[in-house]
Amino acid sequence: MEDVSQHLKVNKETIRRWIKTQDFPAHRAGNLLRFKLSEVDAWVRQSSTDNETD
């Protein structure tokens, strides 16, 4: 999560909130959360496109 928060320049709590409320691309491996940066980047692009059309 540290790497993703640094990559997006947001707080880790923001990532946790997005996972719970906005279908953020995270995969559970036991108690751990795993992320693919390509999926995260695609989610960011899609989210920004969705916000422009609202």
N, C-alpha and C. Protein backbone atom coordinates (compact mmCIF):
# COMPACT_ATOMS: atom_id res chain seq x y z
N MET A 1 0.82 -1.18 0.00
CA MET A 1 0.00 0.00 0.00
C MET A 1 0.87 1.26 0.00
N GLU A 2 2.02 1.16 0.65
CA GLU A 2 2.94 2.31 0.70
C GLU A 2 3.35 2.73 -0.72
N ASP A 3 3.71 1.77 -1.55
CA ASP A 3 4.13 2.07 -2.92
C ASP A 3 3.00 2.72 -3.72
N VAL A 4 1.79 2.21 -3.57
CA VAL A 4 0.64 2.76 -4.31
C VAL A 4 0.34 4.17 -3.83
N SER A 5 0.37 4.40 -2.52
CA SER A 5 0.09 5.74 -2.01
C SER A 5 1.15 6.74 -2.49
N GLN A 6 2.40 6.31 -2.56
CA GLN A 6 3.45 7.19 -3.08
C GLN A 6 3.27 7.41 -4.58
N HIS A 7 2.91 6.37 -5.29
CA HIS A 7 2.71 6.45 -6.74
C HIS A 7 1.61 7.46 -7.07
N LEU A 8 0.52 7.43 -6.29
CA LEU A 8 -0.62 8.32 -6.54
C LEU A 8 -0.53 9.63 -5.77
N LYS A 9 0.46 9.71 -4.87
CA LYS A 9 0.65 10.90 -4.03
C LYS A 9 -0.59 11.19 -3.19
N VAL A 10 -1.10 10.13 -2.55
CA VAL A 10 -2.23 10.25 -1.63
C VAL A 10 -1.89 9.48 -0.36
N ASN A 11 -2.66 9.74 0.68
CA ASN A 11 -2.49 9.09 1.97
C ASN A 11 -2.98 7.64 1.89
N LYS A 12 -2.40 6.77 2.70
CA LYS A 12 -2.83 5.37 2.73
C LYS A 12 -4.29 5.24 3.14
N GLU A 13 -4.77 6.12 4.00
CA GLU A 13 -6.18 6.10 4.39
C GLU A 13 -7.09 6.37 3.20
N THR A 14 -6.65 7.20 2.28
CA THR A 14 -7.41 7.46 1.06
C THR A 14 -7.53 6.18 0.23
N ILE A 15 -6.44 5.45 0.13
CA ILE A 15 -6.46 4.17 -0.60
C ILE A 15 -7.46 3.22 0.07
N ARG A 16 -7.41 3.12 1.39
CA ARG A 16 -8.35 2.24 2.11
C ARG A 16 -9.79 2.64 1.85
N ARG A 17 -10.07 3.95 1.85
CA ARG A 17 -11.43 4.43 1.60
C ARG A 17 -11.87 4.10 0.18
N TRP A 18 -10.98 4.29 -0.79
CA TRP A 18 -11.31 3.96 -2.17
C TRP A 18 -11.60 2.48 -2.34
N ILE A 19 -10.86 1.63 -1.63
CA ILE A 19 -11.10 0.19 -1.71
C ILE A 19 -12.50 -0.13 -1.22
N LYS A 20 -12.91 0.51 -0.12
CA LYS A 20 -14.23 0.24 0.46
C LYS A 20 -15.37 0.85 -0.34
N THR A 21 -15.17 2.03 -0.92
CA THR A 21 -16.30 2.76 -1.49
C THR A 21 -16.29 2.92 -3.00
N GLN A 22 -15.14 2.76 -3.65
CA GLN A 22 -15.08 3.10 -5.07
C GLN A 22 -14.49 1.99 -5.94
N ASP A 23 -14.54 0.77 -5.47
CA ASP A 23 -14.09 -0.36 -6.28
C ASP A 23 -12.65 -0.20 -6.78
N PHE A 24 -11.78 0.25 -5.88
CA PHE A 24 -10.36 0.40 -6.19
C PHE A 24 -9.75 -0.98 -6.43
N PRO A 25 -8.90 -1.14 -7.45
CA PRO A 25 -8.36 -2.46 -7.79
C PRO A 25 -7.31 -2.97 -6.80
N ALA A 26 -7.78 -3.76 -5.85
CA ALA A 26 -6.89 -4.38 -4.87
C ALA A 26 -7.25 -5.86 -4.78
N HIS A 27 -6.27 -6.69 -4.56
CA HIS A 27 -6.48 -8.13 -4.47
C HIS A 27 -6.01 -8.60 -3.10
N ARG A 28 -6.85 -9.36 -2.42
CA ARG A 28 -6.50 -9.90 -1.11
C ARG A 28 -5.70 -11.19 -1.26
N ALA A 29 -4.63 -11.26 -0.50
CA ALA A 29 -3.84 -12.48 -0.38
C ALA A 29 -3.72 -12.75 1.12
N GLY A 30 -4.70 -13.47 1.66
CA GLY A 30 -4.76 -13.64 3.11
C GLY A 30 -5.14 -12.31 3.74
N ASN A 31 -4.30 -11.83 4.63
CA ASN A 31 -4.55 -10.53 5.26
C ASN A 31 -3.89 -9.38 4.52
N LEU A 32 -3.17 -9.68 3.45
CA LEU A 32 -2.44 -8.66 2.71
C LEU A 32 -3.25 -8.17 1.53
N LEU A 33 -3.04 -6.92 1.17
CA LEU A 33 -3.61 -6.37 -0.05
C LEU A 33 -2.51 -6.28 -1.09
N ARG A 34 -2.81 -6.70 -2.29
CA ARG A 34 -1.85 -6.64 -3.40
C ARG A 34 -2.43 -5.73 -4.47
N PHE A 35 -1.54 -5.03 -5.17
CA PHE A 35 -1.95 -4.09 -6.20
C PHE A 35 -1.11 -4.30 -7.45
N LYS A 36 -1.72 -4.12 -8.61
CA LYS A 36 -0.98 -4.06 -9.87
C LYS A 36 -1.04 -2.61 -10.31
N LEU A 37 0.12 -1.99 -10.46
CA LEU A 37 0.14 -0.57 -10.80
C LEU A 37 -0.56 -0.31 -12.14
N SER A 38 -0.50 -1.24 -13.06
CA SER A 38 -1.20 -1.04 -14.33
C SER A 38 -2.71 -0.96 -14.12
N GLU A 39 -3.25 -1.77 -13.20
CA GLU A 39 -4.68 -1.71 -12.88
C GLU A 39 -5.02 -0.42 -12.14
N VAL A 40 -4.13 -0.01 -11.24
CA VAL A 40 -4.35 1.23 -10.50
C VAL A 40 -4.36 2.42 -11.46
N ASP A 41 -3.41 2.46 -12.38
CA ASP A 41 -3.36 3.55 -13.36
C ASP A 41 -4.60 3.56 -14.25
N ALA A 42 -5.05 2.38 -14.66
CA ALA A 42 -6.27 2.29 -15.47
C ALA A 42 -7.48 2.78 -14.68
N TRP A 43 -7.55 2.44 -13.39
CA TRP A 43 -8.65 2.90 -12.53
C TRP A 43 -8.64 4.42 -12.41
N VAL A 44 -7.45 5.00 -12.25
CA VAL A 44 -7.33 6.46 -12.14
C VAL A 44 -7.80 7.12 -13.44
N ARG A 45 -7.36 6.58 -14.58
CA ARG A 45 -7.78 7.15 -15.87
C ARG A 45 -9.29 7.05 -16.03
N GLN A 46 -9.86 5.90 -15.69
CA GLN A 46 -11.30 5.70 -15.81
C GLN A 46 -12.05 6.62 -14.86
N SER A 47 -11.56 6.77 -13.64
CA SER A 47 -12.22 7.64 -12.65
C SER A 47 -12.20 9.09 -13.10
N SER A 48 -11.09 9.53 -13.67
CA SER A 48 -11.02 10.91 -14.12
C SER A 48 -11.92 11.14 -15.33
N THR A 49 -12.05 10.14 -16.20
CA THR A 49 -12.96 10.23 -17.34
C THR A 49 -14.41 10.27 -16.87
N ASP A 50 -14.74 9.44 -15.88
CA ASP A 50 -16.09 9.41 -15.33
C ASP A 50 -16.44 10.76 -14.70
N ASN A 51 -15.52 11.38 -14.01
CA ASN A 51 -15.77 12.67 -13.35
C ASN A 51 -15.94 13.79 -14.36
N GLU A 52 -15.27 13.71 -15.50
CA GLU A 52 -15.41 14.75 -16.51
C GLU A 52 -16.78 14.74 -17.16
N THR A 53 -17.42 13.58 -17.22
CA THR A 53 -18.73 13.48 -17.87
C THR A 53 -19.87 13.77 -16.91
N ASP A 54 -19.60 13.87 -15.59
CA ASP A 54 -20.65 14.16 -14.61
C ASP A 54 -21.00 15.63 -14.59
